[in-house]
Structures are given as C-alpha cells and as structure tokens.
Amino acid sequence: MLDINLIREQPDVVRKAMKDRQMDASPVDSILQLDEKRRSLLTEVERMKAERNAVSKEISQFERRGRQKVED
C-alpha cells in the first residue's frame, strides 16, 4: 500500500514505478483528484463545525440573558 503523501508529493515517481511493473498508471491521477476533493470537503466540514459552534455559543448567551431577565 502506498502512502498518500508519497502520491501527493511525488506522483511522477509513483507513475514511473507503476509503469516499471507494467501496471496502468492512470489511477494515480484519479487518486490525486479524489484526494483534492476530500481535502476540500474536510475544509468545508471544519468551517461548518466552527459556524455551528459559534451559533451554539450565541444561543447559550441568549438563554442566559433570558433567564437573567426573568429573575430580575
């Protein structure tokens, strides 16, 4: 099994090694495309989690303010 970092950093070396073993090297391109998409989606997920956390924090602040007004 190949390390994804090797494929990312040295795709030509991986392609050459595959060709030397008489294997089709086209999966390297597919792997790189899928990896880029995965990394992009992970970035989007992290952004959405941060947004969710910010909204949750805002909701809890509103709830505290509401309780304080009721107590006053």
N, C-alpha and C. Protein backbone atom coordinates (compact mmCIF):
# COMPACT_ATOMS: atom_id res chain seq x y z
N MET A 1 0.84 -1.18 0.00
CA MET A 1 0.00 0.00 0.00
C MET A 1 0.89 1.24 0.00
N LEU A 2 0.51 2.19 -0.80
CA LEU A 2 1.30 3.43 -0.91
C LEU A 2 0.77 4.49 0.04
N ASP A 3 1.68 5.25 0.58
CA ASP A 3 1.32 6.37 1.43
C ASP A 3 0.79 7.51 0.56
N ILE A 4 -0.34 8.09 1.00
CA ILE A 4 -0.94 9.17 0.21
C ILE A 4 0.02 10.35 0.07
N ASN A 5 0.84 10.58 1.07
CA ASN A 5 1.80 11.69 0.98
C ASN A 5 2.80 11.47 -0.14
N LEU A 6 3.21 10.23 -0.35
CA LEU A 6 4.13 9.93 -1.45
C LEU A 6 3.45 10.21 -2.78
N ILE A 7 2.20 9.81 -2.90
CA ILE A 7 1.47 10.04 -4.15
C ILE A 7 1.29 11.54 -4.38
N ARG A 8 0.99 12.29 -3.30
CA ARG A 8 0.81 13.75 -3.41
C ARG A 8 2.10 14.45 -3.80
N GLU A 9 3.17 14.08 -3.13
CA GLU A 9 4.44 14.81 -3.28
C GLU A 9 5.26 14.37 -4.49
N GLN A 10 5.13 13.11 -4.87
CA GLN A 10 5.93 12.59 -5.97
C GLN A 10 5.10 11.71 -6.90
N PRO A 11 4.07 12.28 -7.50
CA PRO A 11 3.23 11.44 -8.35
C PRO A 11 3.97 10.86 -9.56
N ASP A 12 4.94 11.60 -10.08
CA ASP A 12 5.69 11.09 -11.23
C ASP A 12 6.51 9.86 -10.86
N VAL A 13 7.07 9.85 -9.68
CA VAL A 13 7.83 8.69 -9.21
C VAL A 13 6.91 7.47 -9.10
N VAL A 14 5.73 7.70 -8.56
CA VAL A 14 4.76 6.60 -8.41
C VAL A 14 4.32 6.10 -9.78
N ARG A 15 4.03 7.03 -10.70
CA ARG A 15 3.64 6.62 -12.06
C ARG A 15 4.74 5.79 -12.73
N LYS A 16 5.98 6.24 -12.59
CA LYS A 16 7.10 5.52 -13.19
C LYS A 16 7.24 4.13 -12.57
N ALA A 17 7.10 4.05 -11.25
CA ALA A 17 7.21 2.74 -10.58
C ALA A 17 6.10 1.80 -11.06
N MET A 18 4.92 2.35 -11.26
CA MET A 18 3.82 1.51 -11.75
C MET A 18 4.09 1.05 -13.18
N LYS A 19 4.59 1.96 -14.01
CA LYS A 19 4.89 1.58 -15.39
C LYS A 19 6.01 0.54 -15.44
N ASP A 20 7.00 0.70 -14.54
CA ASP A 20 8.10 -0.27 -14.49
C ASP A 20 7.59 -1.67 -14.13
N ARG A 21 6.49 -1.72 -13.40
CA ARG A 21 5.89 -3.01 -13.03
C ARG A 21 4.81 -3.42 -14.03
N GLN A 22 4.77 -2.71 -15.14
CA GLN A 22 3.81 -2.97 -16.22
C GLN A 22 2.37 -2.84 -15.73
N MET A 23 2.14 -1.81 -14.91
CA MET A 23 0.80 -1.52 -14.41
C MET A 23 0.32 -0.22 -15.02
N ASP A 24 -0.98 -0.07 -15.08
CA ASP A 24 -1.59 1.17 -15.57
C ASP A 24 -1.38 2.27 -14.53
N ALA A 25 -0.84 3.38 -14.95
CA ALA A 25 -0.54 4.49 -14.02
C ALA A 25 -1.68 5.50 -13.92
N SER A 26 -2.75 5.31 -14.66
CA SER A 26 -3.85 6.28 -14.64
C SER A 26 -4.55 6.41 -13.28
N PRO A 27 -4.57 5.38 -12.45
CA PRO A 27 -5.20 5.56 -11.13
C PRO A 27 -4.53 6.64 -10.28
N VAL A 28 -3.29 6.95 -10.54
CA VAL A 28 -2.60 8.00 -9.77
C VAL A 28 -3.34 9.33 -9.95
N ASP A 29 -3.74 9.63 -11.17
CA ASP A 29 -4.47 10.87 -11.42
C ASP A 29 -5.82 10.87 -10.71
N SER A 30 -6.50 9.74 -10.75
CA SER A 30 -7.79 9.63 -10.07
C SER A 30 -7.62 9.80 -8.56
N ILE A 31 -6.59 9.19 -8.03
CA ILE A 31 -6.32 9.31 -6.60
C ILE A 31 -6.05 10.76 -6.23
N LEU A 32 -5.27 11.44 -7.02
CA LEU A 32 -4.97 12.85 -6.74
C LEU A 32 -6.23 13.72 -6.81
N GLN A 33 -7.09 13.46 -7.77
CA GLN A 33 -8.34 14.22 -7.88
C GLN A 33 -9.24 13.95 -6.68
N LEU A 34 -9.38 12.70 -6.32
CA LEU A 34 -10.22 12.34 -5.18
C LEU A 34 -9.65 12.90 -3.87
N ASP A 35 -8.34 12.87 -3.75
CA ASP A 35 -7.70 13.40 -2.56
C ASP A 35 -7.95 14.90 -2.44
N GLU A 36 -7.85 15.60 -3.55
CA GLU A 36 -8.10 17.05 -3.55
C GLU A 36 -9.55 17.33 -3.16
N LYS A 37 -10.46 16.55 -3.70
CA LYS A 37 -11.88 16.73 -3.36
C LYS A 37 -12.10 16.44 -1.88
N ARG A 38 -11.50 15.38 -1.37
CA ARG A 38 -11.63 15.02 0.04
C ARG A 38 -11.11 16.15 0.93
N ARG A 39 -9.95 16.67 0.60
CA ARG A 39 -9.36 17.74 1.40
C ARG A 39 -10.24 19.00 1.36
N SER A 40 -10.80 19.27 0.22
CA SER A 40 -11.70 20.41 0.09
C SER A 40 -12.95 20.22 0.95
N LEU A 41 -13.50 19.02 0.91
CA LEU A 41 -14.68 18.73 1.72
C LEU A 41 -14.37 18.78 3.22
N LEU A 42 -13.20 18.32 3.61
CA LEU A 42 -12.81 18.40 5.02
C LEU A 42 -12.72 19.86 5.48
N THR A 43 -12.20 20.70 4.62
CA THR A 43 -12.12 22.13 4.93
C THR A 43 -13.52 22.70 5.12
N GLU A 44 -14.41 22.32 4.24
CA GLU A 44 -15.80 22.79 4.33
C GLU A 44 -16.47 22.28 5.61
N VAL A 45 -16.22 21.03 5.95
CA VAL A 45 -16.78 20.45 7.18
C VAL A 45 -16.27 21.21 8.40
N GLU A 46 -14.99 21.50 8.44
CA GLU A 46 -14.42 22.24 9.57
C GLU A 46 -15.01 23.64 9.66
N ARG A 47 -15.24 24.28 8.52
CA ARG A 47 -15.87 25.60 8.51
C ARG A 47 -17.28 25.53 9.07
N MET A 48 -18.00 24.49 8.66
CA MET A 48 -19.38 24.33 9.13
C MET A 48 -19.41 24.01 10.63
N LYS A 49 -18.48 23.23 11.11
CA LYS A 49 -18.41 22.94 12.55
C LYS A 49 -18.15 24.21 13.34
N ALA A 50 -17.25 25.04 12.85
CA ALA A 50 -16.95 26.31 13.52
C ALA A 50 -18.19 27.20 13.55
N GLU A 51 -18.93 27.21 12.45
CA GLU A 51 -20.16 28.00 12.39
C GLU A 51 -21.19 27.46 13.38
N ARG A 52 -21.32 26.15 13.44
CA ARG A 52 -22.25 25.52 14.39
C ARG A 52 -21.88 25.88 15.82
N ASN A 53 -20.59 25.81 16.13
CA ASN A 53 -20.14 26.14 17.48
C ASN A 53 -20.43 27.60 17.81
N ALA A 54 -20.22 28.49 16.87
CA ALA A 54 -20.49 29.90 17.10
C ALA A 54 -21.98 30.14 17.36
N VAL A 55 -22.83 29.47 16.59
CA VAL A 55 -24.27 29.61 16.77
C VAL A 55 -24.69 29.02 18.12
N SER A 56 -24.14 27.89 18.49
CA SER A 56 -24.45 27.27 19.78
C SER A 56 -24.06 28.20 20.93
N LYS A 57 -22.92 28.82 20.81
CA LYS A 57 -22.47 29.76 21.83
C LYS A 57 -23.42 30.96 21.91
N GLU A 58 -23.83 31.45 20.76
CA GLU A 58 -24.75 32.57 20.72
C GLU A 58 -26.10 32.20 21.35
N ILE A 59 -26.58 31.01 21.07
CA ILE A 59 -27.84 30.55 21.64
C ILE A 59 -27.74 30.48 23.16
N SER A 60 -26.64 29.93 23.66
CA SER A 60 -26.49 29.83 25.11
C SER A 60 -26.43 31.21 25.77
N GLN A 61 -25.83 32.19 25.08
CA GLN A 61 -25.79 33.55 25.62
C GLN A 61 -27.19 34.15 25.66
N PHE A 62 -27.99 33.92 24.64
CA PHE A 62 -29.38 34.41 24.64
C PHE A 62 -30.18 33.75 25.76
N GLU A 63 -29.96 32.46 25.97
CA GLU A 63 -30.67 31.76 27.04
C GLU A 63 -30.31 32.33 28.40
N ARG A 64 -29.03 32.61 28.62
CA ARG A 64 -28.60 33.21 29.89
C ARG A 64 -29.25 34.58 30.10
N ARG A 65 -29.25 35.37 29.04
CA ARG A 65 -29.86 36.70 29.14
C ARG A 65 -31.35 36.59 29.45
N GLY A 66 -32.02 35.62 28.83
CA GLY A 66 -33.45 35.40 29.07
C GLY A 66 -33.71 35.01 30.52
N ARG A 67 -32.88 34.15 31.07
CA ARG A 67 -33.03 33.74 32.47
C ARG A 67 -32.79 34.91 33.41
N GLN A 68 -31.80 35.74 33.08
CA GLN A 68 -31.49 36.88 33.93
C GLN A 68 -32.67 37.85 33.96
N LYS A 69 -33.32 38.08 32.83
CA LYS A 69 -34.46 38.99 32.78
C LYS A 69 -35.63 38.44 33.58
N VAL A 70 -35.85 37.13 33.52
CA VAL A 70 -36.93 36.50 34.27
C VAL A 70 -36.67 36.63 35.77
N GLU A 71 -35.42 36.46 36.19
CA GLU A 71 -35.06 36.53 37.61
C GLU A 71 -35.16 37.95 38.15
N ASP A 72 -34.96 38.95 37.31
CA ASP A 72 -34.99 40.35 37.76
C ASP A 72 -36.35 40.84 38.05
